[in-house]
């Protein structure tokens, strides 16, 4: 490969040797650029990435080389010396990302049938609410049939005396039960959905974090997935891909990527790139991700119908408790039918949940394939174990937060605390978390396959990995400490409802020092 620099925008470019002397367009500024011949190879102001043909390094690749350190590979000359002056880590890692991540994840031969299956499952899920409406229609027709066919005949043969009172109560019971069942089945259709609580979302800007956005763009190109409209960051040990505006984004590519700051604090760039590759694998699934959104919406609606109680339920319970025993019997009979209808809907909900979990597991396997090709099949296991350590570290972080709150203090680097606690995770802690994860993956209602199955599936791809740069992921940010402070303030606001000035947050060492001085 010939490496050279665009004379217009200084973007680092690469071209095969066979293209020497030919003219092409720069993919940064679209300016026509002539590819120099090997002996004329243009120098680049940034260190060149390690060739994929070289043996894998077991230690992280240094972001800055020592003055006497040179590349010993015979495939390419030593990196040119930088001019004297202050180093710019952001420019260096920007160039390294551009030179490392230039391939594409191969398409899966099962891609089209897979997406067709996702659409089919989504259509089946959409039929579930239609069945619900049909159940309401059957109940309404049953009431109509009782009023027109049964009740007139029963009233004509009404007995006399006190027996008439009991007969009227008996004939009224189906009317009360039917009306109550229809009312309780219809109310979720017209009542508004329960909106999630207001949470603060911290979004990153391309101008502020160019290296991170360059990595995201390169992974999107490699996975053939649409680029996110927004990148958010929070305090979760997780990353996620979602529709930015929910239902309004179903017909477009309006997506949002959410990155957990503890991942950045506790991982290197190769591990983080693999996780982002997994999430962009979901982006690339397109129809599958949108089908999943519809399915989860239907599942939430069914769960709300079955479990949610409101003022109408309280009024019914109060009426049963405070009314005359004869009226209470009628209302209890009606409540029995309400419970029966909810039992039927519970069956619908469980079927819908099982179908959605089955699809979710397949989507995870498919997204893992993208991660394997981005970071390497063998590296998939390394990332999985690191993620387990960070989960254990976050548990310890929560304990630290509670301890600090008891001392009337709030901490300013929760992602860093999580990463530090992850370094002290024992084998016993790791086994406990892995066992808890395995326990939730052995049924029809598990959303993710077990880690062992996922690792074995990833190794089958035998992918070397398009991106092998191993430097601290925090180097992708210009000022990661400031990001962690903002994320910590958001955590206290979202989880505890406490509005806190970020400048008032304290480091763990300061809290311990203050406590020691007062002892």
Protein backbone atom coordinates (compact mmCIF):
# COMPACT_ATOMS: atom_id res chain seq x y z
CA UNK A 1 0.00 0.00 0.00
CA UNK A 2 1.12 3.54 -0.77
CA UNK A 3 0.48 6.08 1.99
CA UNK A 4 0.38 9.77 1.13
CA UNK A 5 -1.28 13.02 2.19
CA UNK A 6 -3.87 15.12 0.37
CA UNK A 7 -2.23 18.50 -0.42
CA UNK A 8 -5.54 20.32 0.07
CA UNK A 9 -7.00 19.00 3.34
CA UNK A 10 -3.97 17.09 4.73
CA UNK A 11 -6.07 13.94 5.03
CA UNK A 12 -4.02 10.75 5.16
CA UNK A 13 -4.80 8.54 2.16
CA UNK A 14 -3.89 5.00 1.15
CA UNK A 15 -3.90 3.36 -2.27
CA UNK A 16 -2.72 0.03 -3.68
CA UNK A 17 0.65 -0.10 -5.45
CA UNK A 18 -1.11 -0.82 -8.74
CA UNK A 19 -2.74 2.64 -8.57
CA UNK A 20 0.61 4.47 -8.59
CA UNK A 21 0.61 7.38 -11.03
CA UNK A 22 -3.18 7.42 -11.38
CA UNK A 23 -5.46 10.26 -10.31
CA UNK A 24 -8.41 9.84 -7.95
CA UNK A 25 -10.54 11.94 -5.64
CA UNK A 26 -9.71 12.55 -1.99
CA UNK A 27 -12.47 11.04 0.16
CA UNK A 28 -12.12 13.97 2.53
CA UNK A 29 -12.42 17.04 0.27
CA UNK A 30 -13.13 15.43 -3.16
CA UNK A 31 -10.11 17.20 -4.68
CA UNK A 32 -8.38 15.27 -7.52
CA UNK A 33 -5.15 13.80 -6.16
CA UNK A 34 -2.44 11.93 -8.03
CA UNK A 35 -1.19 8.79 -6.32
CA UNK A 36 2.63 9.05 -6.03
CA UNK A 37 4.83 6.19 -7.06
CA UNK A 38 6.54 4.11 -4.39
CA UNK A 39 9.83 5.99 -4.64
CA UNK A 40 7.90 9.28 -4.48
CA UNK A 41 5.77 8.19 -1.50
CA UNK A 42 4.60 11.29 0.29
CA UNK A 43 5.37 11.54 3.93
CA UNK A 44 2.68 11.94 6.54
CA UNK A 45 2.92 14.13 9.64
CA UNK A 46 1.40 11.35 11.76
CA UNK A 47 2.63 7.86 12.70
CA UNK A 48 1.49 5.19 10.28
CA UNK A 49 -0.65 2.33 11.55
CA UNK A 50 0.80 -1.14 11.92
CA UNK A 51 0.19 -3.25 8.82
CA UNK A 52 -2.36 -6.02 9.10
CA UNK A 53 0.29 -8.40 7.74
CA UNK A 54 2.49 -7.91 10.79
CA UNK A 55 2.20 -10.18 13.84
CA UNK A 56 -0.33 -9.04 16.43
CA UNK A 57 1.15 -7.08 19.32
CA UNK A 58 0.48 -8.39 22.78
CA UNK A 59 0.94 -5.01 24.40
CA UNK A 60 -0.99 -1.81 23.61
CA UNK A 61 0.35 0.17 20.70
CA UNK A 62 1.99 3.37 21.93
CA UNK A 63 0.42 6.62 20.91
CA UNK A 64 3.77 8.39 21.08
CA UNK A 65 7.06 6.73 20.10
CA UNK A 66 10.25 7.46 21.93
CA UNK A 67 12.83 9.51 19.98
CA UNK A 68 15.03 6.50 19.24
CA UNK A 69 12.22 4.05 18.50
CA UNK A 70 11.69 3.07 14.87
CA UNK A 71 9.54 0.55 12.98
CA UNK A 72 11.59 -2.56 12.25
CA UNK A 73 9.26 -4.04 9.65
CA UNK A 74 10.79 -4.37 6.20
CA UNK A 75 7.40 -3.71 4.60
CA UNK A 76 7.45 0.02 5.24
CA UNK A 77 9.99 2.71 6.13
CA UNK A 78 10.30 4.26 9.57
CA UNK A 79 7.69 6.83 10.49
CA UNK A 80 8.88 10.32 9.58
CA UNK A 81 10.12 12.55 12.33
CA UNK A 82 7.67 15.10 13.63
CA UNK A 83 8.73 18.70 13.46
CA UNK A 84 9.77 20.20 16.73
CA UNK A 85 6.89 21.45 18.78
CA UNK A 86 4.16 20.30 21.09
CA UNK A 87 2.57 16.95 20.19
CA UNK A 88 -1.12 16.88 19.35
CA UNK A 89 -2.53 13.53 20.60
CA UNK A 90 -5.91 14.19 19.02
CA UNK A 91 -4.40 14.61 15.55
CA UNK A 92 -2.23 11.54 16.03
CA UNK A 93 -5.04 9.24 17.12
CA UNK A 94 -7.24 10.73 14.39
CA UNK A 95 -4.66 9.71 11.80
CA UNK A 96 -4.16 6.28 13.36
CA UNK A 97 -7.90 5.60 13.20
CA UNK A 98 -8.01 6.65 9.55
CA UNK A 99 -5.09 4.39 8.62
CA UNK A 100 -6.22 1.38 10.67
CA UNK A 101 -9.92 1.17 9.91
CA UNK A 102 -10.22 1.11 6.13
CA UNK A 103 -11.92 -2.22 5.32
CA UNK A 104 -15.50 -3.46 5.40
CA UNK A 105 -17.26 -6.23 7.26
CA UNK A 106 -18.25 -8.93 4.72
CA UNK A 107 -21.93 -9.29 4.07
CA UNK A 108 -23.71 -12.23 5.62
CA UNK A 109 -25.21 -14.68 3.07
CA UNK A 110 -28.23 -14.99 5.36
CA UNK A 111 -28.82 -11.24 5.46
CA UNK A 112 -31.94 -11.08 3.26
CA UNK A 113 -33.70 -14.15 4.77
CA UNK A 114 -32.78 -12.86 8.21
CA UNK A 115 -34.42 -9.50 7.57
CA UNK A 116 -37.45 -11.21 6.03
CA UNK A 117 -37.81 -13.26 9.21
CA UNK A 118 -37.64 -10.08 11.28
CA UNK A 119 -40.42 -8.49 9.25
CA UNK A 120 -42.52 -11.64 9.50
CA UNK A 121 -42.15 -11.70 13.26
CA UNK A 122 -43.07 -8.02 13.43
CA UNK A 123 -46.23 -8.67 11.42
CA UNK A 124 -47.17 -11.51 13.77
CA UNK A 125 -46.66 -9.18 16.71
CA UNK A 126 -48.88 -6.55 15.12
CA UNK A 127 -51.62 -9.17 14.82
CA UNK A 128 -51.67 -9.54 18.62
CA UNK A 129 -53.39 -6.16 19.22
CA UNK A 130 -55.84 -7.09 16.44
CA UNK A 131 -56.67 -10.27 18.35
CA UNK A 132 -57.18 -8.09 21.40
CA UNK A 133 -59.65 -5.93 19.48
CA UNK A 134 -61.39 -9.08 18.24
CA UNK A 135 -61.75 -10.21 21.85
CA UNK A 136 -63.46 -6.90 22.66
CA UNK A 137 -65.74 -7.40 19.65
CA UNK A 138 -66.67 -10.91 20.81
CA UNK A 139 -67.52 -9.55 24.27
CA UNK A 140 -69.69 -6.81 22.73
CA UNK A 141 -71.51 -9.32 20.52
CA UNK A 142 -72.06 -11.55 23.54
CA UNK A 143 -73.70 -8.67 25.37
CA UNK A 144 -75.88 -7.90 22.34
CA UNK A 145 -76.94 -11.55 22.06
CA UNK A 146 -77.79 -11.72 25.77
CA UNK A 147 -79.89 -8.54 25.62
CA UNK A 148 -81.82 -9.59 22.51
CA UNK A 149 -82.19 -13.37 22.94
CA UNK A 150 -81.82 -14.38 26.58
CA UNK A 151 -82.92 -11.46 28.75
CA UNK A 152 -86.39 -10.88 27.17
CA UNK A 153 -87.33 -14.55 27.58
CA UNK A 154 -86.03 -14.59 31.15
CA UNK A 155 -88.01 -11.48 32.09
CA UNK A 156 -91.23 -12.96 30.70
CA UNK A 157 -90.84 -15.98 32.98
CA UNK A 158 -89.88 -13.94 36.04
CA UNK A 159 -91.17 -15.57 39.28
CA UNK A 160 -93.31 -13.67 41.79
CA UNK A 161 -92.60 -12.59 45.35
CA UNK A 162 -89.17 -12.55 46.94
CA UNK A 163 -87.88 -15.05 44.39
CA UNK A 164 -88.19 -12.30 41.79
CA UNK A 165 -85.51 -10.27 43.58
CA UNK A 166 -82.99 -13.10 43.42
CA UNK A 167 -83.98 -13.82 39.81
CA UNK A 168 -83.35 -10.20 38.83
CA UNK A 169 -79.96 -10.31 40.54
CA UNK A 170 -79.16 -13.52 38.70
CA UNK A 171 -80.20 -12.16 35.32
CA UNK A 172 -78.33 -8.91 35.97
CA UNK A 173 -75.04 -10.62 36.80
CA UNK A 174 -74.06 -11.31 33.15
CA UNK A 175 -74.96 -7.72 32.25
CA UNK A 176 -72.78 -6.28 35.01
CA UNK A 177 -69.94 -8.70 34.30
CA UNK A 178 -70.03 -8.08 30.53
CA UNK A 179 -70.14 -4.30 30.87
CA UNK A 180 -67.28 -4.29 33.37
CA UNK A 181 -65.16 -6.60 31.23
CA UNK A 182 -65.69 -4.48 28.11
CA UNK A 183 -64.97 -1.27 30.05
CA UNK A 184 -61.72 -2.59 31.50
CA UNK A 185 -60.62 -3.95 28.12
CA UNK A 186 -61.42 -0.74 26.23
CA UNK A 187 -59.87 1.75 28.67
CA UNK A 188 -56.20 0.97 27.77
CA UNK A 189 -56.93 1.77 24.13
CA UNK A 190 -57.96 5.34 24.91
CA UNK A 191 -55.87 6.14 27.97
CA UNK A 192 -52.48 7.70 27.20
CA UNK A 193 -49.30 5.71 27.67
CA UNK A 194 -47.30 6.17 30.83
CA UNK A 195 -44.46 8.45 29.80
CA UNK A 196 -40.97 7.74 31.14
CA UNK A 197 -39.58 10.11 33.70
CA UNK A 198 -37.63 13.09 32.48
CA UNK A 199 -33.95 12.18 32.27
CA UNK A 200 -31.09 14.38 31.21
CA UNK A 201 -29.28 13.24 28.07
CA UNK A 202 -25.72 14.49 27.59
CA UNK A 203 -24.87 14.71 23.89
CA UNK A 204 -21.41 14.94 22.36
CA UNK A 205 -20.51 17.33 19.55
CA UNK A 206 -18.31 16.55 16.56
CA UNK A 207 -16.39 19.80 16.93
CA UNK A 208 -15.53 18.92 20.54
CA UNK A 209 -14.65 15.24 20.05
CA UNK A 210 -13.39 14.82 16.45
CA UNK A 211 -11.41 11.63 17.14
CA UNK A 212 -14.42 9.83 18.63
CA UNK A 213 -16.64 10.88 15.73
CA UNK A 214 -13.97 9.78 13.26
CA UNK A 215 -13.94 6.33 14.88
CA UNK A 216 -17.74 6.20 14.79
CA UNK A 217 -17.82 7.25 11.12
CA UNK A 218 -15.21 4.67 10.15
CA UNK A 219 -17.04 1.87 11.94
CA UNK A 220 -20.31 2.93 10.31
CA UNK A 221 -18.65 2.76 6.90
CA UNK A 222 -17.11 -0.63 7.70
CA UNK A 223 -20.44 -2.09 8.86
CA UNK A 224 -22.48 -0.35 6.12
CA UNK A 225 -24.74 1.13 8.76
CA UNK A 226 -26.24 4.63 8.80
CA UNK A 227 -24.39 7.18 10.88
CA UNK A 228 -26.15 8.26 14.07
CA UNK A 229 -27.76 11.68 14.18
CA UNK A 230 -26.66 12.08 17.78
CA UNK A 231 -24.18 10.49 20.19
CA UNK A 232 -25.11 10.53 23.88
CA UNK A 233 -23.00 9.52 26.86
CA UNK A 234 -24.13 8.36 30.30
CA UNK A 235 -22.90 6.43 33.34
CA UNK A 236 -24.05 2.93 32.31
CA UNK A 237 -21.68 0.04 31.64
CA UNK A 238 -23.36 -0.41 28.29
CA UNK A 239 -23.76 0.97 24.80
CA UNK A 240 -27.01 1.02 22.85
CA UNK A 241 -28.48 1.87 19.47
CA UNK A 242 -32.02 3.21 19.28
CA UNK A 243 -34.45 5.25 17.23
CA UNK A 244 -33.95 8.90 18.15
CA UNK A 245 -37.62 9.93 18.09
CA UNK A 246 -39.25 6.58 18.65
CA UNK A 247 -42.20 5.89 16.36
CA UNK A 248 -41.49 9.05 14.34
CA UNK A 249 -38.12 7.60 13.24
CA UNK A 250 -39.43 4.27 11.92
CA UNK A 251 -39.45 5.33 8.28
CA UNK A 252 -36.01 6.94 8.21
CA UNK A 253 -32.48 6.54 9.51
CA UNK A 254 -32.90 8.83 12.49
CA UNK A 255 -30.74 6.96 14.99
CA UNK A 256 -28.97 7.74 18.25
CA UNK A 257 -25.94 6.01 19.74
CA UNK A 258 -25.51 5.98 23.51
CA UNK A 259 -22.09 5.22 24.99
CA UNK A 260 -21.45 4.43 28.63
CA UNK A 261 -18.60 6.55 30.00
CA UNK A 262 -17.36 3.63 32.19
CA UNK A 263 -16.62 1.75 28.96
CA UNK A 264 -14.39 4.59 27.83
CA UNK A 265 -12.75 4.87 31.25
CA UNK A 266 -12.03 1.15 31.56
CA UNK A 267 -11.33 -0.07 28.02
CA UNK A 268 -8.84 0.44 25.25
CA UNK A 269 -9.73 1.65 21.77
CA UNK A 270 -9.86 -1.87 20.30
CA UNK A 271 -12.31 -3.08 22.93
CA UNK A 272 -14.48 0.01 22.58
CA UNK A 273 -14.41 -0.25 18.78
CA UNK A 274 -15.61 -3.86 19.04
CA UNK A 275 -18.54 -2.85 21.24
CA UNK A 276 -19.42 0.01 18.90
CA UNK A 277 -19.17 -2.42 16.00
CA UNK A 278 -21.73 -4.59 17.81
CA UNK A 279 -24.11 -1.64 18.20
CA UNK A 280 -23.64 -0.53 14.61
CA UNK A 281 -24.37 -4.13 13.67
CA UNK A 282 -27.80 -3.44 15.11
CA UNK A 283 -27.90 -0.24 13.05
CA UNK A 284 -27.02 -2.24 9.94
CA UNK A 285 -29.85 -4.67 10.66
CA UNK A 286 -32.23 -1.87 9.72
CA UNK A 287 -35.55 -3.69 9.45
CA UNK A 288 -34.65 -5.92 12.39
CA UNK A 289 -34.03 -2.98 14.71
CA UNK A 290 -37.25 -1.27 13.66
CA UNK A 291 -39.14 -4.55 14.06
CA UNK A 292 -37.68 -4.87 17.54
CA UNK A 293 -38.93 -1.41 18.41
CA UNK A 294 -42.45 -2.32 17.31
CA UNK A 295 -42.31 -5.60 19.20
CA UNK A 296 -41.13 -3.97 22.41
CA UNK A 297 -43.86 -1.36 22.09
CA UNK A 298 -46.48 -4.09 21.76
CA UNK A 299 -44.99 -5.98 24.70
CA UNK A 300 -45.07 -2.86 26.86
CA UNK A 301 -48.68 -2.26 25.90
CA UNK A 302 -49.70 -5.82 26.80
CA UNK A 303 -47.84 -5.61 30.12
CA UNK A 304 -49.61 -2.35 30.87
CA UNK A 305 -53.02 -3.86 30.12
CA UNK A 306 -52.35 -6.89 32.31
CA UNK A 307 -50.59 -5.34 35.29
CA UNK A 308 -51.30 -1.62 35.47
CA UNK A 309 -53.92 -0.54 38.00
CA UNK A 310 -55.54 2.90 37.98
CA UNK A 311 -58.27 4.89 39.66
CA UNK A 312 -60.99 2.76 38.07
CA UNK A 313 -59.60 -0.36 39.74
CA UNK A 314 -59.53 1.43 43.08
CA UNK A 315 -63.14 2.58 42.63
CA UNK A 316 -64.23 -1.01 41.94
CA UNK A 317 -62.44 -2.35 45.02
CA UNK A 318 -63.97 0.40 47.20
CA UNK A 319 -67.45 -0.31 45.81
CA UNK A 320 -67.11 -4.02 46.58
CA UNK A 321 -65.98 -3.25 50.13
CA UNK A 322 -68.61 -0.60 50.94
CA UNK A 323 -71.77 -1.73 49.07
CA UNK A 324 -74.64 -3.94 50.19
CA UNK A 325 -73.69 -7.61 50.05
CA UNK A 326 -76.04 -8.24 47.11
CA UNK A 327 -74.47 -5.45 45.08
CA UNK A 328 -71.02 -6.61 46.19
CA UNK A 329 -71.75 -10.09 44.86
CA UNK A 330 -72.64 -8.64 41.46
CA UNK A 331 -69.48 -6.51 41.40
CA UNK A 332 -67.30 -9.43 42.52
CA UNK A 333 -68.81 -11.52 39.69
CA UNK A 334 -67.92 -8.72 37.28
CA UNK A 335 -64.38 -8.48 38.70
CA UNK A 336 -64.00 -12.23 38.10
CA UNK A 337 -64.65 -11.65 34.41
CA UNK A 338 -62.19 -8.74 34.40
CA UNK A 339 -59.55 -11.07 35.84
CA UNK A 340 -60.47 -13.69 33.22
CA UNK A 341 -59.96 -11.20 30.38
CA UNK A 342 -56.62 -10.15 31.85
CA UNK A 343 -55.63 -13.80 32.10
CA UNK A 344 -56.23 -14.21 28.37
CA UNK A 345 -54.19 -11.11 27.70
CA UNK A 346 -51.44 -12.48 29.95
CA UNK A 347 -51.21 -15.47 27.60
CA UNK A 348 -50.97 -13.09 24.64
CA UNK A 349 -48.25 -11.15 26.45
CA UNK A 350 -46.15 -14.23 27.21
CA UNK A 351 -46.38 -15.46 23.62
CA UNK A 352 -45.36 -12.01 22.35
CA UNK A 353 -42.50 -11.86 24.85
CA UNK A 354 -41.20 -15.30 23.86
CA UNK A 355 -41.26 -14.37 20.16
CA UNK A 356 -39.48 -11.09 20.78
CA UNK A 357 -36.80 -12.79 22.89
CA UNK A 358 -36.19 -15.37 20.19
CA UNK A 359 -35.67 -12.61 17.65
CA UNK A 360 -33.51 -10.63 20.09
CA UNK A 361 -31.14 -13.57 20.55
CA UNK A 362 -30.68 -13.93 16.80
CA UNK A 363 -30.03 -10.22 16.48
CA UNK A 364 -27.34 -10.46 19.17
CA UNK A 365 -25.57 -13.26 17.29
CA UNK A 366 -25.69 -11.20 14.10
CA UNK A 367 -24.38 -8.08 15.86
CA UNK A 368 -21.59 -10.17 17.45
CA UNK A 369 -20.45 -11.04 13.94
CA UNK A 370 -19.84 -7.35 13.29
CA UNK A 371 -17.90 -7.03 16.54
CA UNK A 372 -15.73 -10.03 15.61
CA UNK A 373 -14.83 -8.54 12.23
CA UNK A 374 -14.11 -5.10 13.69
CA UNK A 375 -11.94 -6.10 16.66
CA UNK A 376 -11.10 -9.74 15.91
CA UNK A 377 -12.71 -13.08 16.74
CA UNK A 378 -10.14 -13.95 19.39
CA UNK A 379 -10.45 -10.49 20.93
CA UNK A 380 -14.20 -10.95 21.42
CA UNK A 381 -13.51 -13.02 24.54
CA UNK A 382 -11.10 -10.40 25.90
CA UNK A 383 -13.75 -7.71 25.56
CA UNK A 384 -16.43 -9.91 27.14
CA UNK A 385 -14.28 -10.52 30.22
CA UNK A 386 -13.42 -6.85 30.49
CA UNK A 387 -17.11 -6.01 30.34
CA UNK A 388 -17.77 -8.46 33.18
CA UNK A 389 -15.11 -6.76 35.29
CA UNK A 390 -16.65 -3.34 34.64
CA UNK A 391 -20.08 -4.62 35.67
CA UNK A 392 -18.58 -5.79 38.95
CA UNK A 393 -16.78 -2.45 39.22
CA UNK A 394 -20.04 -0.58 38.84
CA UNK A 395 -21.56 -2.54 41.73
CA UNK A 396 -18.64 -1.40 43.88
CA UNK A 397 -19.07 2.15 42.55
CA UNK A 398 -22.68 2.22 43.77
CA UNK A 399 -21.49 1.21 47.23
CA UNK A 400 -18.93 4.03 47.15
CA UNK A 401 -21.64 6.52 46.11
CA UNK A 402 -23.89 5.44 49.01
CA UNK A 403 -20.99 5.68 51.44
CA UNK A 404 -20.16 9.19 50.21
CA UNK A 405 -23.81 10.30 50.47
CA UNK A 406 -23.82 9.22 54.10
CA UNK A 407 -20.94 11.66 54.56
CA UNK A 408 -22.90 14.43 52.78
CA UNK A 409 -20.62 14.26 49.74
CA UNK A 410 -21.13 13.67 46.03
CA UNK A 411 -18.42 12.29 43.77
CA UNK A 412 -17.28 13.79 40.47
CA UNK A 413 -15.73 10.87 38.55
CA UNK A 414 -18.12 7.94 38.74
CA UNK A 415 -16.88 6.36 35.45
CA UNK A 416 -13.30 6.52 36.74
CA UNK A 417 -14.36 4.98 40.06
CA UNK A 418 -16.00 2.14 38.15
CA UNK A 419 -12.83 1.54 36.14
CA UNK A 420 -10.66 1.61 39.27
CA UNK A 421 -12.95 -0.83 41.07
CA UNK A 422 -12.86 -3.12 38.03
CA UNK A 423 -9.09 -3.48 38.49
CA UNK A 424 -9.71 -5.01 41.92
CA UNK A 425 -12.33 -7.55 40.81
CA UNK A 426 -11.48 -11.02 42.05
CA UNK A 427 -12.02 -14.33 40.29
CA UNK A 428 -14.82 -15.04 42.76
CA UNK A 429 -16.64 -11.83 41.81
CA UNK A 430 -16.22 -12.62 38.13
CA UNK A 431 -17.65 -16.11 38.54
CA UNK A 432 -20.61 -14.74 40.49
CA UNK A 433 -21.50 -12.26 37.74
CA UNK A 434 -20.98 -14.84 35.00
CA UNK A 435 -23.20 -17.32 36.87
CA UNK A 436 -25.92 -14.68 37.26
CA UNK A 437 -25.70 -13.96 33.54
CA UNK A 438 -25.84 -17.64 32.63
CA UNK A 439 -28.90 -18.15 34.83
CA UNK A 440 -30.88 -15.68 32.73
CA UNK A 441 -29.97 -17.15 29.34
CA UNK A 442 -31.35 -20.67 29.51
CA UNK A 443 -35.03 -20.08 28.77
CA UNK A 444 -37.34 -18.95 25.99
CA UNK A 445 -37.57 -15.57 27.71
CA UNK A 446 -33.87 -14.66 27.65
CA UNK A 447 -33.02 -11.71 25.43
CA UNK A 448 -29.31 -12.56 25.10
CA UNK A 449 -27.45 -15.83 24.52
CA UNK A 450 -24.93 -16.92 27.14
CA UNK A 451 -21.41 -15.49 26.93
CA UNK A 452 -19.94 -18.93 26.22
CA UNK A 453 -22.21 -19.44 23.22
CA UNK A 454 -21.50 -15.96 21.93
CA UNK A 455 -17.74 -16.40 22.27
CA UNK A 456 -17.84 -19.74 20.42
CA UNK A 457 -19.97 -18.23 17.66
CA UNK A 458 -17.60 -15.26 17.30
CA UNK A 459 -14.54 -17.51 17.02
CA UNK A 460 -16.14 -19.41 14.15
CA UNK A 461 -15.78 -16.33 11.95
CA UNK A 462 -11.96 -16.48 12.33
CA UNK A 463 -11.71 -12.75 11.73
CA UNK A 464 -8.36 -11.04 12.32
CA UNK A 465 -10.01 -7.70 13.05
CA UNK A 466 -10.07 -4.51 10.99
CA UNK A 467 -9.08 -2.35 13.96
CA UNK A 468 -6.22 -3.39 16.25
CA UNK A 469 -5.15 -0.11 17.83
CA UNK A 470 -4.82 -0.60 21.60
CA UNK A 471 -4.45 2.70 23.43
CA UNK A 472 -6.65 3.96 26.31
CA UNK A 473 -10.09 4.78 24.95
CA UNK A 474 -10.12 7.99 26.95
CA UNK A 475 -7.55 9.33 24.45
CA UNK A 476 -10.43 9.67 21.99
CA UNK A 477 -11.67 12.63 24.05
CA UNK A 478 -10.07 16.04 24.32
CA UNK A 479 -11.00 16.39 28.00
CA UNK A 480 -12.45 13.14 29.29
CA UNK A 481 -12.24 14.29 32.93
CA UNK A 482 -14.72 17.09 32.19
CA UNK A 483 -17.03 14.60 30.46
CA UNK A 484 -16.92 12.33 33.53
CA UNK A 485 -17.80 15.24 35.80
CA UNK A 486 -20.83 16.09 33.65
CA UNK A 487 -21.92 12.45 33.50
CA UNK A 488 -21.65 12.20 37.29
CA UNK A 489 -23.84 15.29 37.75
CA UNK A 490 -26.39 13.76 35.35
CA UNK A 491 -26.36 10.55 37.41
CA UNK A 492 -27.32 12.37 40.60
CA UNK A 493 -30.03 14.30 38.78
CA UNK A 494 -31.56 11.30 37.01
CA UNK A 495 -31.27 8.73 39.80
CA UNK A 496 -31.73 10.85 42.92
CA UNK A 497 -33.53 13.90 41.57
CA UNK A 498 -30.80 16.17 42.96
CA UNK A 499 -29.71 19.18 40.96
CA UNK A 500 -26.02 19.59 41.71
CA UNK A 501 -23.41 22.05 40.54
CA UNK A 502 -20.64 20.00 38.84
CA UNK A 503 -18.03 22.22 40.48
CA UNK A 504 -19.31 21.10 43.91
CA UNK A 505 -18.61 17.43 43.23
CA UNK A 506 -15.65 15.93 45.08
CA UNK A 507 -13.06 13.30 44.33
CA UNK A 508 -12.95 10.15 46.43
CA UNK A 509 -9.56 11.14 47.82
CA UNK A 510 -10.95 14.50 48.98
CA UNK A 511 -13.84 12.81 50.78
CA UNK A 512 -11.51 10.38 52.52
CA UNK A 513 -9.11 13.20 53.41
CA UNK A 514 -11.90 15.35 54.85
CA UNK A 515 -13.19 12.42 56.87
CA UNK A 516 -9.69 11.70 58.21
CA UNK A 517 -9.15 15.31 59.26
CA UNK A 518 -12.39 15.37 61.27
CA UNK A 519 -11.73 12.07 62.98
